[in-house]
Amino acid sequence: MIGRRMLAVAEHRLTDEAAVVLLGPRQCGKTTLGLQLAARCPSVYLDLESEADRSKLAESELYLAEHLDRLVVIDEIHRAPGLFPVLRGLI
């Protein structure tokens, strides 16, 4: 389980930065931490292992622009490397 300290650190970083990246080995708790962050504020959680979530990003710039007022958590982003330029333009 992700400790409260990591959750607090991530929340603090989100107050200072437009984007926070969670990196780590498999099964270390990145998804859990992302879900915990998403549960604490207005948010959109996208799991790119899900076909339904990938389809939401067919027009990624439009979809993400519609959610600029929310925390957007993108899990498994490595499955959509084309999103990085879009995110750079929006952040």
N, C-alpha and C. Protein backbone atom coordinates (compact mmCIF):
# COMPACT_ATOMS: atom_id res chain seq x y z
N MET A 1 0.84 -1.19 0.00
CA MET A 1 0.00 0.00 0.00
C MET A 1 0.89 1.25 0.00
N ILE A 2 0.45 2.23 -0.74
CA ILE A 2 1.19 3.49 -0.82
C ILE A 2 1.04 4.22 0.50
N GLY A 3 2.14 4.68 1.03
CA GLY A 3 2.11 5.40 2.29
C GLY A 3 1.54 6.79 2.15
N ARG A 4 1.04 7.31 3.25
CA ARG A 4 0.49 8.66 3.25
C ARG A 4 1.54 9.69 2.86
N ARG A 5 2.79 9.41 3.19
CA ARG A 5 3.85 10.36 2.86
C ARG A 5 3.96 10.55 1.35
N MET A 6 3.94 9.47 0.59
CA MET A 6 4.03 9.59 -0.87
C MET A 6 2.82 10.33 -1.44
N LEU A 7 1.66 10.06 -0.89
CA LEU A 7 0.46 10.77 -1.34
C LEU A 7 0.60 12.26 -1.06
N ALA A 8 1.08 12.61 0.11
CA ALA A 8 1.27 14.03 0.46
C ALA A 8 2.31 14.69 -0.44
N VAL A 9 3.39 13.99 -0.73
CA VAL A 9 4.43 14.53 -1.61
C VAL A 9 3.85 14.78 -3.00
N ALA A 10 3.12 13.82 -3.53
CA ALA A 10 2.53 13.98 -4.87
C ALA A 10 1.53 15.14 -4.89
N GLU A 11 0.71 15.24 -3.87
CA GLU A 11 -0.27 16.35 -3.81
C GLU A 11 0.46 17.69 -3.75
N HIS A 12 1.52 17.77 -2.97
CA HIS A 12 2.28 19.01 -2.88
C HIS A 12 2.89 19.37 -4.23
N ARG A 13 3.45 18.38 -4.91
CA ARG A 13 4.05 18.63 -6.23
C ARG A 13 3.00 19.16 -7.21
N LEU A 14 1.78 18.64 -7.12
CA LEU A 14 0.73 19.07 -8.03
C LEU A 14 0.30 20.51 -7.78
N THR A 15 0.55 21.03 -6.58
CA THR A 15 0.24 22.44 -6.34
C THR A 15 1.29 23.35 -6.97
N ASP A 16 2.49 22.83 -7.18
CA ASP A 16 3.59 23.63 -7.72
C ASP A 16 3.83 23.41 -9.21
N GLU A 17 3.42 22.29 -9.74
CA GLU A 17 3.76 21.90 -11.11
C GLU A 17 2.50 21.59 -11.91
N ALA A 18 2.57 21.80 -13.22
CA ALA A 18 1.44 21.49 -14.10
C ALA A 18 1.33 19.99 -14.35
N ALA A 19 2.43 19.27 -14.19
CA ALA A 19 2.42 17.82 -14.43
C ALA A 19 3.38 17.14 -13.46
N VAL A 20 2.98 15.95 -13.06
CA VAL A 20 3.81 15.10 -12.20
C VAL A 20 3.83 13.72 -12.84
N VAL A 21 5.00 13.15 -12.96
CA VAL A 21 5.15 11.82 -13.54
C VAL A 21 5.51 10.84 -12.42
N LEU A 22 4.80 9.73 -12.36
CA LEU A 22 5.08 8.69 -11.39
C LEU A 22 5.87 7.59 -12.09
N LEU A 23 7.10 7.42 -11.70
CA LEU A 23 7.97 6.41 -12.30
C LEU A 23 8.34 5.37 -11.26
N GLY A 24 8.51 4.15 -11.71
CA GLY A 24 8.96 3.10 -10.81
C GLY A 24 8.78 1.74 -11.47
N PRO A 25 9.34 0.72 -10.84
CA PRO A 25 9.21 -0.62 -11.40
C PRO A 25 7.77 -1.13 -11.31
N ARG A 26 7.53 -2.20 -12.02
CA ARG A 26 6.20 -2.83 -11.98
C ARG A 26 5.81 -3.16 -10.54
N GLN A 27 4.53 -2.99 -10.28
CA GLN A 27 3.96 -3.41 -9.00
C GLN A 27 4.45 -2.61 -7.79
N CYS A 28 4.96 -1.39 -8.02
CA CYS A 28 5.45 -0.61 -6.88
C CYS A 28 4.40 0.33 -6.31
N GLY A 29 3.25 0.47 -7.00
CA GLY A 29 2.18 1.29 -6.46
C GLY A 29 1.85 2.55 -7.25
N LYS A 30 2.36 2.67 -8.47
CA LYS A 30 2.08 3.87 -9.27
C LYS A 30 0.59 4.02 -9.56
N THR A 31 -0.06 2.96 -9.97
CA THR A 31 -1.49 3.01 -10.26
C THR A 31 -2.29 3.33 -9.00
N THR A 32 -1.94 2.70 -7.90
CA THR A 32 -2.64 2.96 -6.64
C THR A 32 -2.52 4.43 -6.26
N LEU A 33 -1.31 4.98 -6.37
CA LEU A 33 -1.11 6.38 -6.03
C LEU A 33 -1.90 7.28 -6.98
N GLY A 34 -1.90 6.97 -8.26
CA GLY A 34 -2.69 7.75 -9.22
C GLY A 34 -4.17 7.72 -8.91
N LEU A 35 -4.69 6.57 -8.55
CA LEU A 35 -6.10 6.44 -8.18
C LEU A 35 -6.41 7.21 -6.91
N GLN A 36 -5.50 7.17 -5.94
CA GLN A 36 -5.70 7.92 -4.70
C GLN A 36 -5.72 9.42 -4.97
N LEU A 37 -4.82 9.89 -5.80
CA LEU A 37 -4.81 11.31 -6.16
C LEU A 37 -6.11 11.69 -6.86
N ALA A 38 -6.54 10.85 -7.78
CA ALA A 38 -7.76 11.14 -8.54
C ALA A 38 -9.00 11.18 -7.65
N ALA A 39 -8.99 10.40 -6.59
CA ALA A 39 -10.15 10.34 -5.69
C ALA A 39 -10.26 11.58 -4.80
N ARG A 40 -9.21 12.36 -4.72
CA ARG A 40 -9.17 13.48 -3.78
C ARG A 40 -9.57 14.82 -4.38
N CYS A 41 -9.85 14.85 -5.68
CA CYS A 41 -10.21 16.11 -6.33
C CYS A 41 -10.97 15.81 -7.62
N PRO A 42 -11.57 16.83 -8.22
CA PRO A 42 -12.21 16.59 -9.53
C PRO A 42 -11.14 16.08 -10.51
N SER A 43 -11.43 14.96 -11.13
CA SER A 43 -10.39 14.34 -11.95
C SER A 43 -10.98 13.46 -13.04
N VAL A 44 -10.09 13.10 -13.95
CA VAL A 44 -10.36 12.11 -14.99
C VAL A 44 -9.24 11.09 -14.89
N TYR A 45 -9.59 9.82 -14.81
CA TYR A 45 -8.59 8.76 -14.76
C TYR A 45 -8.71 7.94 -16.04
N LEU A 46 -7.61 7.85 -16.77
CA LEU A 46 -7.59 7.07 -18.01
C LEU A 46 -6.55 5.96 -17.88
N ASP A 47 -6.98 4.74 -18.11
CA ASP A 47 -6.08 3.59 -18.11
C ASP A 47 -5.91 3.15 -19.55
N LEU A 48 -4.74 3.40 -20.11
CA LEU A 48 -4.54 3.13 -21.53
C LEU A 48 -4.40 1.66 -21.87
N GLU A 49 -4.54 0.79 -20.87
CA GLU A 49 -4.69 -0.64 -21.17
C GLU A 49 -6.14 -0.93 -21.55
N SER A 50 -7.03 0.01 -21.28
CA SER A 50 -8.46 -0.14 -21.58
C SER A 50 -8.76 0.44 -22.96
N GLU A 51 -9.36 -0.36 -23.81
CA GLU A 51 -9.74 0.11 -25.15
C GLU A 51 -10.71 1.29 -25.05
N ALA A 52 -11.63 1.24 -24.11
CA ALA A 52 -12.59 2.34 -23.94
C ALA A 52 -11.88 3.65 -23.62
N ASP A 53 -10.88 3.59 -22.75
CA ASP A 53 -10.15 4.81 -22.41
C ASP A 53 -9.27 5.27 -23.56
N ARG A 54 -8.66 4.34 -24.28
CA ARG A 54 -7.87 4.73 -25.45
C ARG A 54 -8.74 5.41 -26.50
N SER A 55 -9.97 4.93 -26.66
CA SER A 55 -10.86 5.52 -27.67
C SER A 55 -11.25 6.94 -27.28
N LYS A 56 -11.30 7.25 -26.00
CA LYS A 56 -11.60 8.63 -25.57
C LYS A 56 -10.53 9.59 -26.08
N LEU A 57 -9.35 9.08 -26.33
CA LEU A 57 -8.24 9.92 -26.76
C LEU A 57 -8.03 9.90 -28.27
N ALA A 58 -9.03 9.43 -29.00
CA ALA A 58 -8.92 9.45 -30.47
C ALA A 58 -8.69 10.88 -30.96
N GLU A 59 -9.35 11.81 -30.34
CA GLU A 59 -9.13 13.25 -30.57
C GLU A 59 -8.53 13.80 -29.27
N SER A 60 -7.31 13.40 -28.99
CA SER A 60 -6.72 13.65 -27.67
C SER A 60 -6.65 15.12 -27.30
N GLU A 61 -6.29 15.98 -28.23
CA GLU A 61 -6.17 17.39 -27.90
C GLU A 61 -7.52 17.97 -27.48
N LEU A 62 -8.58 17.62 -28.20
CA LEU A 62 -9.92 18.10 -27.85
C LEU A 62 -10.37 17.53 -26.51
N TYR A 63 -10.19 16.23 -26.33
CA TYR A 63 -10.62 15.58 -25.08
C TYR A 63 -9.91 16.19 -23.88
N LEU A 64 -8.61 16.31 -23.97
CA LEU A 64 -7.84 16.83 -22.83
C LEU A 64 -8.13 18.30 -22.60
N ALA A 65 -8.34 19.08 -23.65
CA ALA A 65 -8.67 20.50 -23.50
C ALA A 65 -10.00 20.67 -22.77
N GLU A 66 -10.91 19.73 -22.94
CA GLU A 66 -12.20 19.78 -22.25
C GLU A 66 -12.06 19.54 -20.75
N HIS A 67 -10.92 19.00 -20.33
CA HIS A 67 -10.72 18.64 -18.93
C HIS A 67 -9.57 19.43 -18.27
N LEU A 68 -9.29 20.61 -18.79
CA LEU A 68 -8.19 21.41 -18.23
C LEU A 68 -8.46 21.85 -16.79
N ASP A 69 -9.72 21.83 -16.38
CA ASP A 69 -10.06 22.25 -15.02
C ASP A 69 -10.00 21.09 -14.02
N ARG A 70 -9.52 19.94 -14.45
CA ARG A 70 -9.46 18.75 -13.61
C ARG A 70 -8.05 18.16 -13.62
N LEU A 71 -7.80 17.36 -12.62
CA LEU A 71 -6.60 16.53 -12.62
C LEU A 71 -6.83 15.41 -13.63
N VAL A 72 -5.91 15.23 -14.55
CA VAL A 72 -6.00 14.13 -15.51
C VAL A 72 -4.89 13.14 -15.18
N VAL A 73 -5.29 11.93 -14.82
CA VAL A 73 -4.34 10.86 -14.51
C VAL A 73 -4.35 9.90 -15.69
N ILE A 74 -3.19 9.71 -16.30
CA ILE A 74 -3.08 8.81 -17.45
C ILE A 74 -2.17 7.65 -17.06
N ASP A 75 -2.76 6.50 -16.86
CA ASP A 75 -2.01 5.30 -16.48
C ASP A 75 -1.61 4.56 -17.75
N GLU A 76 -0.42 3.99 -17.75
CA GLU A 76 0.11 3.24 -18.89
C GLU A 76 0.30 4.13 -20.12
N ILE A 77 0.75 5.36 -19.89
CA ILE A 77 0.90 6.32 -20.99
C ILE A 77 1.90 5.86 -22.04
N HIS A 78 2.80 4.96 -21.67
CA HIS A 78 3.76 4.47 -22.66
C HIS A 78 3.07 3.77 -23.83
N ARG A 79 1.81 3.41 -23.67
CA ARG A 79 1.05 2.78 -24.75
C ARG A 79 0.60 3.79 -25.81
N ALA A 80 0.77 5.09 -25.52
CA ALA A 80 0.36 6.13 -26.47
C ALA A 80 1.42 7.22 -26.52
N PRO A 81 2.59 6.91 -27.08
CA PRO A 81 3.67 7.91 -27.09
C PRO A 81 3.31 9.19 -27.85
N GLY A 82 2.34 9.12 -28.72
CA GLY A 82 1.90 10.31 -29.45
C GLY A 82 1.23 11.35 -28.57
N LEU A 83 0.89 10.98 -27.34
CA LEU A 83 0.27 11.93 -26.42
C LEU A 83 1.26 12.96 -25.88
N PHE A 84 2.53 12.64 -25.85
CA PHE A 84 3.50 13.55 -25.24
C PHE A 84 3.52 14.93 -25.91
N PRO A 85 3.56 15.04 -27.23
CA PRO A 85 3.52 16.37 -27.83
C PRO A 85 2.21 17.11 -27.53
N VAL A 86 1.11 16.39 -27.48
CA VAL A 86 -0.18 17.01 -27.16
C VAL A 86 -0.14 17.56 -25.74
N LEU A 87 0.35 16.77 -24.81
CA LEU A 87 0.44 17.22 -23.42
C LEU A 87 1.35 18.43 -23.30
N ARG A 88 2.48 18.40 -24.00
CA ARG A 88 3.40 19.55 -23.96
C ARG A 88 2.70 20.83 -24.40
N GLY A 89 1.86 20.71 -25.41
CA GLY A 89 1.13 21.88 -25.90
C GLY A 89 0.06 22.38 -24.96
N LEU A 90 -0.48 21.51 -24.14
CA LEU A 90 -1.56 21.89 -23.23
C LEU A 90 -1.08 22.34 -21.85
N ILE A 91 0.09 21.89 -21.48
CA ILE A 91 0.55 22.17 -20.11
C ILE A 91 1.23 23.53 -20.05
